[in-house]
Amino acid sequence: MPEIPITLTLAGSDSSAGAGLQADLKTFQHFRTFGLTVPTCIVAETPREVRSVHTLPLSVVRDQLDILLETYPVAAIKTGMLPTAEIVELVANRLSSRPEIPLVVDPVMIASTGTPLVPPSAIDAYRNALFPRCQLLTPNLDEAAFLIGESIADRDAMERAAIQLANELRMGAVLLKGGHLHGPECADLLHGTGIHQWFIAPRMTTAASHGTGCTLSAALAALLALGRDLPGAVAAAKSYLGETLARALSPGGIPMLNQGTTFDLEDSQTAPTPPPDSQNKQLFPCQPPAAS
């Protein structure tokens, strides 16, 4: 039986399945890695409304994480919503003894309005415990601005912010996502030791933006699990995210990313080559087959 890389997400559960650990699993599946999950909270939401958030007990999160790390040879990990300082510290503590596992941290801590989503104690725990352990931090501009204490209004400010974050937070690298800037392009900056590279893509006009951060960070974790270096992983993950946007779905009339489709991309490096008998087959078709 062939081996398959194993990826793990610690994140919230999104009942609409557009973000959180559901988006992560669909993304892991696209890249042909086997996804494990540690839910940290249960969120009653759709892309239009967040109705309630229930944080899981620390013991439940701990037992899930421990049994998975004890049982499976995890190749890469990503974190999404870690809603309390105790959960952040637990994750940092458990992973401190597993430095060989690449860790991608999506710092889900600030709403687009600037309102904190987690208490100050959790943000301190991120800074002091988890950020120094991660190989890649993936903040958007609002999260990065909160962390450095100043606004980020253009690409020059992004340069300064990425360098400041990498230096102050002692992490491996930062992928600063510039999608919130105005203009015809979306520019992301990867900065770390020996790396300083821009990734530019045309801006897409779409309402299907729910879960983009989760999807990108999950793709990065999957690609690191497959052995890709950071610049290559970022390029392939951004290509995949563009496809999920371009091929967005509309279940119930609500625009949603299409993470579940196995795309026939021109860049064959976005995923391993499938077995010969699965060539050109879509595991999760964009559209249902026509009625006969």
Foldseek 3Di string as FASTA:
>chain_A
DDDAAEEEEEWAAEPQLQAIPSLLCLQLVLQGHHYDYQHQWYWDDDPVDTDDIGGDDPVSSLVRVVVDVVPDPHQEYEYDDNAALSSLQSVLVVCVVVLNHAYEYEPQFADPVRHGRHDPSNVVSCQPGVQLSHQEYEYEQSVLCVVVVHHQADVVSVVVSQVVCCVRSNHAWYWYWQPPHDDQKTWIWIDGVVDTDIDIDGDDDAPAPPHLSRQLSSQLRSVVSVPDDNVVSNNLSVVLSVVQRVLWDQVVNRTGGDSNWNDPDPPCVSHPDDPPVCPPPIPDDSDDDDDD
